[in-house]
C-alpha atoms as a PDB file:
ATOM      1  CA  MET A   1       9.088  -1.889 -15.535  1.00  0.00           C
ATOM      2  CA  CYS A   2       9.909  -2.631 -11.943  1.00  0.00           C
ATOM      3  CA  GLY A   3      10.211  -6.243 -10.840  1.00  0.00           C
ATOM      4  CA  ARG A   4      12.705  -5.978  -7.975  1.00  0.00           C
ATOM      5  CA  ALA A   5      12.787  -3.361  -5.253  1.00  0.00           C
ATOM      6  CA  ARG A   6      14.032  -2.826  -1.725  1.00  0.00           C
ATOM      7  CA  ILE A   7      12.714  -1.317   1.484  1.00  0.00           C
ATOM      8  CA  THR A   8      15.287  -1.043   4.253  1.00  0.00           C
ATOM      9  CA  ARG A   9      14.407   1.962   6.409  1.00  0.00           C
ATOM     10  CA  PRO A  10      12.581   1.651   9.770  1.00  0.00           C
ATOM     11  CA  TRP A  11       8.810   1.948   9.865  1.00  0.00           C
ATOM     12  CA  ARG A  12       9.020   5.120  11.974  1.00  0.00           C
ATOM     13  CA  GLU A  13      10.837   6.893   9.131  1.00  0.00           C
ATOM     14  CA  ILE A  14       8.184   5.836   6.622  1.00  0.00           C
ATOM     15  CA  HIS A  15       5.495   6.914   9.070  1.00  0.00           C
ATOM     16  CA  GLU A  16       7.008  10.392   9.272  1.00  0.00           C
ATOM     17  CA  ALA A  17       7.919  10.801   5.598  1.00  0.00           C
ATOM     18  CA  MET A  18       4.441   9.809   4.369  1.00  0.00           C
ATOM     19  CA  SER A  19       2.481  11.647   7.109  1.00  0.00           C
ATOM     20  CA  LEU A  20       0.651   8.530   8.242  1.00  0.00           C
ATOM     21  CA  ILE A  21      -1.923   8.734  11.014  1.00  0.00           C
ATOM     22  CA  PRO A  22      -0.329   8.161  14.445  1.00  0.00           C
ATOM     23  CA  THR A  23      -2.899   5.567  15.460  1.00  0.00           C
ATOM     24  CA  VAL A  24      -1.600   3.065  12.914  1.00  0.00           C
ATOM     25  CA  PRO A  25       0.477   0.453  14.771  1.00  0.00           C
ATOM     26  CA  ALA A  26       4.028  -0.254  13.671  1.00  0.00           C
ATOM     27  CA  GLN A  27       4.071  -2.778  10.881  1.00  0.00           C
ATOM     28  CA  ASN A  28       5.961  -6.045  11.144  1.00  0.00           C
ATOM     29  CA  LEU A  29       8.490  -4.669   8.693  1.00  0.00           C
ATOM     30  CA  ARG A  30      11.843  -6.285   8.089  1.00  0.00           C
ATOM     31  CA  GLU A  31      14.647  -5.088   5.864  1.00  0.00           C
ATOM     32  CA  ASN A  32      14.232  -6.500   2.390  1.00  0.00           C
ATOM     33  CA  TRP A  33      17.096  -5.805   0.007  1.00  0.00           C
ATOM     34  CA  ASN A  34      15.611  -7.953  -2.734  1.00  0.00           C
ATOM     35  CA  LEU A  35      11.844  -7.484  -2.702  1.00  0.00           C
ATOM     36  CA  CYS A  36      10.142  -9.616  -5.335  1.00  0.00           C
ATOM     37  CA  PRO A  37       6.593  -9.767  -6.720  1.00  0.00           C
ATOM     38  CA  THR A  38       4.187 -11.858  -4.581  1.00  0.00           C
ATOM     39  CA  GLN A  39       5.957 -10.645  -1.428  1.00  0.00           C
ATOM     40  CA  ASP A  40       4.543  -7.924   0.824  1.00  0.00           C
ATOM     41  CA  ILE A  41       5.261  -4.329  -0.103  1.00  0.00           C
ATOM     42  CA  ILE A  42       4.299  -1.046   1.575  1.00  0.00           C
ATOM     43  CA  ALA A  43       1.219   0.707   0.218  1.00  0.00           C
ATOM     44  CA  VAL A  44      -0.197   4.003   1.491  1.00  0.00           C
ATOM     45  CA  THR A  45      -3.920   4.660   1.116  1.00  0.00           C
ATOM     46  CA  SER A  46      -6.179   7.433   2.357  1.00  0.00           C
ATOM     47  CA  SER A  47      -9.361   7.027   4.385  1.00  0.00           C
ATOM     48  CA  ASP A  48     -12.682   8.742   3.661  1.00  0.00           C
ATOM     49  CA  GLU A  49     -11.604  11.361   6.199  1.00  0.00           C
ATOM     50  CA  GLY A  50      -8.361  11.985   4.325  1.00  0.00           C
ATOM     51  CA  LYS A  51      -6.147  10.210   6.852  1.00  0.00           C
ATOM     52  CA  ARG A  52      -3.197   8.311   5.416  1.00  0.00           C
ATOM     53  CA  ILE A  53      -2.780   4.671   6.325  1.00  0.00           C
ATOM     54  CA  GLY A  54       0.277   2.559   5.644  1.00  0.00           C
ATOM     55  CA  SER A  55      -0.010  -1.197   5.356  1.00  0.00           C
ATOM     56  CA  LEU A  56       1.670  -4.238   3.869  1.00  0.00           C
ATOM     57  CA  MET A  57       0.051  -5.571   0.706  1.00  0.00           C
ATOM     58  CA  HIS A  58       0.708  -8.467  -1.640  1.00  0.00           C
ATOM     59  CA  TRP A  59       2.776  -7.130  -4.563  1.00  0.00           C
ATOM     60  CA  GLY A  60       0.783  -8.177  -7.621  1.00  0.00           C
ATOM     61  CA  LEU A  61      -2.789  -6.991  -7.877  1.00  0.00           C
ATOM     62  CA  ILE A  62      -5.446  -9.671  -7.403  1.00  0.00           C
ATOM     63  CA  PRO A  63      -8.795  -8.394  -8.758  1.00  0.00           C
ATOM     64  CA  SER A  64     -11.924  -9.149  -6.770  1.00  0.00           C
ATOM     65  CA  TRP A  65     -13.186 -11.475  -9.520  1.00  0.00           C
ATOM     66  CA  SER A  66     -10.201 -13.834  -9.272  1.00  0.00           C
ATOM     67  CA  LYS A  67     -11.526 -17.312  -8.468  1.00  0.00           C
ATOM     68  CA  GLU A  68      -8.659 -18.551  -6.310  1.00  0.00           C
ATOM     69  CA  GLY A  69      -7.016 -15.387  -5.053  1.00  0.00           C
ATOM     70  CA  LYS A  70      -4.150 -15.549  -7.507  1.00  0.00           C
ATOM     71  CA  MET A  71      -3.310 -14.660 -11.091  1.00  0.00           C
ATOM     72  CA  THR A  72      -1.898 -16.766 -13.914  1.00  0.00           C
ATOM     73  CA  TYR A  73      -0.086 -13.761 -15.419  1.00  0.00           C
ATOM     74  CA  PRO A  74       2.026 -10.954 -13.875  1.00  0.00           C
ATOM     75  CA  THR A  75       0.137  -8.030 -12.346  1.00  0.00           C
ATOM     76  CA  PHE A  76       2.913  -6.426 -10.297  1.00  0.00           C
ATOM     77  CA  ASN A  77       3.146  -3.648 -12.910  1.00  0.00           C
ATOM     78  CA  ALA A  78       0.303  -1.887 -14.737  1.00  0.00           C
ATOM     79  CA  ARG A  79       1.230  -0.120 -17.964  1.00  0.00           C
ATOM     80  CA  SER A  80       0.209   3.503 -18.301  1.00  0.00           C
ATOM     81  CA  ASP A  81      -1.553   2.755 -21.600  1.00  0.00           C
ATOM     82  CA  GLY A  82      -3.749   0.015 -20.172  1.00  0.00           C
ATOM     83  CA  TYR A  83      -4.495   0.427 -16.471  1.00  0.00           C
ATOM     84  CA  GLN A  84      -7.860   2.129 -17.155  1.00  0.00           C
ATOM     85  CA  VAL A  85      -9.164  -0.549 -19.514  1.00  0.00           C
ATOM     86  CA  LYS A  86      -7.486  -3.884 -18.763  1.00  0.00           C
ATOM     87  CA  ALA A  87      -9.651  -6.280 -16.805  1.00  0.00           C
ATOM     88  CA  SER A  88      -7.113  -6.777 -14.015  1.00  0.00           C
ATOM     89  CA  PHE A  89      -6.836  -3.083 -13.169  1.00  0.00           C
ATOM     90  CA  LYS A  90      -9.871  -1.147 -14.404  1.00  0.00           C
ATOM     91  CA  GLY A  91     -12.036  -2.091 -11.424  1.00  0.00           C
ATOM     92  CA  ALA A  92      -9.570  -0.600  -8.957  1.00  0.00           C
ATOM     93  CA  TRP A  93      -9.140   2.507 -11.104  1.00  0.00           C
ATOM     94  CA  LYS A  94     -12.854   3.165 -11.538  1.00  0.00           C
ATOM     95  CA  ALA A  95     -13.444   2.680  -7.813  1.00  0.00           C
ATOM     96  CA  GLY A  96     -10.710   5.169  -6.958  1.00  0.00           C
ATOM     97  CA  ARG A  97      -8.579   2.603  -5.158  1.00  0.00           C
ATOM     98  CA  ARG A  98      -5.302   4.418  -5.697  1.00  0.00           C
ATOM     99  CA  CYS A  99      -2.264   4.084  -3.468  1.00  0.00           C
ATOM    100  CA  LEU A 100       1.359   5.080  -3.129  1.00  0.00           C
ATOM    101  CA  VAL A 101       3.745   2.141  -3.270  1.00  0.00           C
ATOM    102  CA  VAL A 102       6.716   3.037  -1.085  1.00  0.00           C
ATOM    103  CA  ILE A 103      10.226   1.743  -1.772  1.00  0.00           C
ATOM    104  CA  ASP A 104      13.779   2.875  -1.042  1.00  0.00           C
ATOM    105  CA  GLY A 105      14.990   1.953  -4.497  1.00  0.00           C
ATOM    106  CA  TYR A 106      14.702  -0.691  -7.169  1.00  0.00           C
ATOM    107  CA  TYR A 107      16.783  -2.782  -9.548  1.00  0.00           C
ATOM    108  CA  GLU A 108      16.748  -2.927 -13.305  1.00  0.00           C
ATOM    109  CA  TRP A 109      18.616  -5.041 -15.816  1.00  0.00           C
ATOM    110  CA  ARG A 110      20.077  -3.250 -18.844  1.00  0.00           C
ATOM    111  CA  PRO A 111      18.724  -5.122 -21.889  1.00  0.00           C
ATOM    112  CA  SER A 112      21.944  -4.881 -23.911  1.00  0.00           C
ATOM    113  CA  ASP A 113      24.107  -6.913 -21.523  1.00  0.00           C
ATOM    114  CA  LYS A 114      21.802  -7.942 -18.629  1.00  0.00           C
ATOM    115  CA  GLN A 115      23.903  -5.894 -16.217  1.00  0.00           C
ATOM    116  CA  PRO A 116      21.838  -5.167 -13.062  1.00  0.00           C
ATOM    117  CA  PHE A 117      21.650  -1.620 -11.733  1.00  0.00           C
ATOM    118  CA  SER A 118      20.414  -0.124  -8.497  1.00  0.00           C
ATOM    119  CA  ILE A 119      18.219   2.969  -8.857  1.00  0.00           C
ATOM    120  CA  ALA A 120      17.370   5.478  -6.110  1.00  0.00           C
ATOM    121  CA  TYR A 121      16.821   9.161  -5.424  1.00  0.00           C
ATOM    122  CA  VAL A 122      20.095  11.043  -5.035  1.00  0.00           C
ATOM    123  CA  ASP A 123      19.110  12.181  -1.536  1.00  0.00           C
ATOM    124  CA  ARG A 124      17.835   8.669  -0.670  1.00  0.00           C
ATOM    125  CA  ARG A 125      14.341   9.827   0.293  1.00  0.00           C
ATOM    126  CA  PRO A 126      11.574   7.242  -0.082  1.00  0.00           C
ATOM    127  CA  MET A 127      10.272   6.681  -3.592  1.00  0.00           C
ATOM    128  CA  ALA A 128       6.490   6.964  -3.901  1.00  0.00           C
ATOM    129  CA  VAL A 129       5.155   5.165  -6.965  1.00  0.00           C
ATOM    130  CA  ALA A 130       1.618   5.626  -8.281  1.00  0.00           C
ATOM    131  CA  GLY A 131      -0.258   2.406  -7.623  1.00  0.00           C
ATOM    132  CA  LEU A 132      -3.652   0.729  -7.554  1.00  0.00           C
ATOM    133  CA  TRP A 133      -4.916  -1.602  -4.864  1.00  0.00           C
ATOM    134  CA  GLU A 134      -7.668  -4.146  -4.475  1.00  0.00           C
ATOM    135  CA  THR A 135      -9.216  -6.461  -1.882  1.00  0.00           C
ATOM    136  CA  TRP A 136      -9.928 -10.081  -2.739  1.00  0.00           C
ATOM    137  CA  ARG A 137     -12.250 -12.097  -0.509  1.00  0.00           C
ATOM    138  CA  ALA A 138     -12.776 -15.839  -0.555  1.00  0.00           C
ATOM    139  CA  LYS A 139     -16.367 -16.815  -1.321  1.00  0.00           C
ATOM    140  CA  ASN A 140     -16.608 -18.816   1.878  1.00  0.00           C
ATOM    141  CA  GLY A 141     -15.954 -15.661   3.885  1.00  0.00           C
ATOM    142  CA  GLY A 142     -12.521 -16.830   4.947  1.00  0.00           C
ATOM    143  CA  GLU A 143      -9.296 -15.450   3.517  1.00  0.00           C
ATOM    144  CA  THR A 144      -8.935 -11.788   2.562  1.00  0.00           C
ATOM    145  CA  ILE A 145      -5.989 -10.470   0.544  1.00  0.00           C
ATOM    146  CA  ASN A 146      -5.102  -6.818   0.000  1.00  0.00           C
ATOM    147  CA  SER A 147      -2.871  -6.433  -3.048  1.00  0.00           C
ATOM    148  CA  CYS A 148      -1.388  -3.670  -5.177  1.00  0.00           C
ATOM    149  CA  THR A 149       0.427  -2.885  -8.400  1.00  0.00           C
ATOM    150  CA  MET A 150       2.847  -0.180  -9.563  1.00  0.00           C
ATOM    151  CA  LEU A 151       2.096   1.910 -12.640  1.00  0.00           C
ATOM    152  CA  THR A 152       4.852   2.084 -15.261  1.00  0.00           C
ATOM    153  CA  ILE A 153       5.421   4.350 -18.244  1.00  0.00           C
ATOM    154  CA  ASP A 154       7.988   5.140 -20.933  1.00  0.00           C
ATOM    155  CA  ALA A 155      11.302   6.063 -19.352  1.00  0.00           C
ATOM    156  CA  SER A 156      12.669   9.579 -19.675  1.00  0.00           C
ATOM    157  CA  GLU A 157      15.321  10.342 -22.263  1.00  0.00           C
ATOM    158  CA  ARG A 158      17.872  10.398 -19.456  1.00  0.00           C
ATOM    159  CA  MET A 159      16.890   6.973 -18.104  1.00  0.00           C
ATOM    160  CA  ALA A 160      16.090   5.270 -21.416  1.00  0.00           C
ATOM    161  CA  PRO A 161      19.643   3.867 -21.938  1.00  0.00           C
ATOM    162  CA  LEU A 162      19.087   1.838 -18.753  1.00  0.00           C
ATOM    163  CA  HIS A 163      15.593   0.590 -19.600  1.00  0.00           C
ATOM    164  CA  ASP A 164      12.718   1.753 -21.803  1.00  0.00           C
ATOM    165  CA  ARG A 165      10.174   1.566 -18.937  1.00  0.00           C
ATOM    166  CA  ALA A 166      10.138   3.163 -15.491  1.00  0.00           C
ATOM    167  CA  PRO A 167       7.767   3.456 -12.532  1.00  0.00           C
ATOM    168  CA  VAL A 168       5.415   6.441 -12.349  1.00  0.00           C
ATOM    169  CA  PHE A 169       7.106   8.385  -9.548  1.00  0.00           C
ATOM    170  CA  LEU A 170       5.060  11.089  -7.846  1.00  0.00           C
ATOM    171  CA  HIS A 171       6.282  14.313  -6.266  1.00  0.00           C
ATOM    172  CA  GLU A 172       5.154  14.870  -2.685  1.00  0.00           C
ATOM    173  CA  ARG A 173       2.994  17.784  -3.833  1.00  0.00           C
ATOM    174  CA  ASP A 174       0.979  15.343  -5.949  1.00  0.00           C
ATOM    175  CA  TRP A 175       0.370  12.714  -3.286  1.00  0.00           C
ATOM    176  CA  PRO A 176      -2.911  14.303  -2.092  1.00  0.00           C
ATOM    177  CA  ILE A 177      -4.299  14.220  -5.630  1.00  0.00           C
ATOM    178  CA  TRP A 178      -3.381  10.594  -6.284  1.00  0.00           C
ATOM    179  CA  LEU A 179      -4.756   9.524  -2.910  1.00  0.00           C
ATOM    180  CA  GLY A 180      -8.013  11.389  -3.490  1.00  0.00           C
ATOM    181  CA  GLU A 181      -7.436  13.862  -0.666  1.00  0.00           C
ATOM    182  CA  LYS A 182      -7.581  16.746  -3.129  1.00  0.00           C
ATOM    183  CA  ALA A 183      -9.997  17.060  -6.029  1.00  0.00           C
ATOM    184  CA  ALA A 184      -8.075  17.054  -9.304  1.00  0.00           C
ATOM    185  CA  ASP A 185      -7.416  14.889 -12.358  1.00  0.00           C
ATOM    186  CA  ALA A 186      -5.378  11.978 -10.998  1.00  0.00           C
ATOM    187  CA  ALA A 187      -4.854  10.529 -14.472  1.00  0.00           C
ATOM    188  CA  ALA A 188      -2.874  13.646 -15.411  1.00  0.00           C
ATOM    189  CA  LEU A 189      -0.199  12.561 -12.936  1.00  0.00           C
ATOM    190  CA  VAL A 190       0.518   9.389 -14.904  1.00  0.00           C
ATOM    191  CA  LYS A 191       3.424  10.745 -16.895  1.00  0.00           C
ATOM    192  CA  THR A 192       7.111  10.189 -17.438  1.00  0.00           C
ATOM    193  CA  TYR A 193       9.260  11.320 -14.532  1.00  0.00           C
ATOM    194  CA  PRO A 194      12.245  13.430 -15.684  1.00  0.00           C
ATOM    195  CA  GLY A 195      14.674  11.567 -13.452  1.00  0.00           C
ATOM    196  CA  ASP A 196      16.967  14.534 -12.787  1.00  0.00           C
ATOM    197  CA  ASP A 197      17.067  13.636  -9.083  1.00  0.00           C
ATOM    198  CA  ILE A 198      17.545   9.911  -9.668  1.00  0.00           C
ATOM    199  CA  GLU A 199      20.853   8.089  -9.947  1.00  0.00           C
ATOM    200  CA  TRP A 200      21.830   4.513 -10.752  1.00  0.00           C
ATOM    201  CA  TRP A 201      24.926   2.356 -10.482  1.00  0.00           C
ATOM    202  CA  PRO A 202      25.912  -1.191 -11.507  1.00  0.00           C
ATOM    203  CA  VAL A 203      25.599  -3.908  -8.865  1.00  0.00           C
ATOM    204  CA  GLY A 204      26.581  -7.542  -8.624  1.00  0.00           C
ATOM    205  CA  LYS A 205      24.530 -10.232 -10.330  1.00  0.00           C
ATOM    206  CA  GLY A 206      23.665 -11.808  -6.989  1.00  0.00           C
ATOM    207  CA  VAL A 207      20.523  -9.695  -6.934  1.00  0.00           C
ATOM    208  CA  GLY A 208      19.169 -11.953  -9.654  1.00  0.00           C
ATOM    209  CA  ASN A 209      18.713 -14.724  -7.078  1.00  0.00           C
ATOM    210  CA  ARG A 210      15.360 -14.221  -5.346  1.00  0.00           C
ATOM    211  CA  ARG A 211      16.745 -15.717  -2.159  1.00  0.00           C
ATOM    212  CA  SER A 212      19.690 -13.311  -1.907  1.00  0.00           C
ATOM    213  CA  GLN A 213      19.516 -10.693   0.838  1.00  0.00           C
ATOM    214  CA  GLY A 214      21.759  -8.089   2.439  1.00  0.00           C
ATOM    215  CA  PRO A 215      23.044  -4.572   1.788  1.00  0.00           C
ATOM    216  CA  GLN A 216      25.819  -5.916  -0.441  1.00  0.00           C
ATOM    217  CA  LEU A 217      23.193  -6.382  -3.173  1.00  0.00           C
ATOM    218  CA  ALA A 218      23.090  -2.586  -3.590  1.00  0.00           C
ATOM    219  CA  TYR A 219      26.854  -2.027  -3.399  1.00  0.00           C
ATOM    220  CA  PRO A 220      28.378  -0.588  -6.591  1.00  0.00           C
ATOM    221  CA  VAL A 221      30.685  -2.809  -8.611  1.00  0.00           C
END
């Protein structure tokens, strides 16, 4: 699973790394070393013309049928064995509303001793997680909320000692398929990531406080 993440790099770096269209204005993006569900997270979608758009979305998918624009159960992760059939996610999947959720890294708590760890690519490039997105609109024509979820799957043998679940990370070569820019079986990309280029290290327990911020949260201890 993934319930805490971070995004700390400038928007211009994300713009370049994800090949976003140049007409998209810079997002009001602030460093967030302790990004929690229900906060805004970066999601990349693709237009009908195949142009990539980056935007901030509510982390926790809100299906269009939600009565009040919120959910009574967690939807920030969608399990690989249920995203095509569960009511919260199947509408987005069938409609092809797929996105890349962009983070710099995330945190996980080892079940055996609740020790928190920071996880990131060894070379610190952005992590692109397979995601689904949805738009919820108030019946009175007022509020509109764009939201998203990350797909998760069984962790690789290498990462399993840390946690039995992990996000569905996508290689850059597979981004066009997931975003619908290239015709192929997107579902085939929902698989366990080997994790050979991922590293993790123990961090302080301050990250467990949703209000905590700052680079010290990712310092090794």
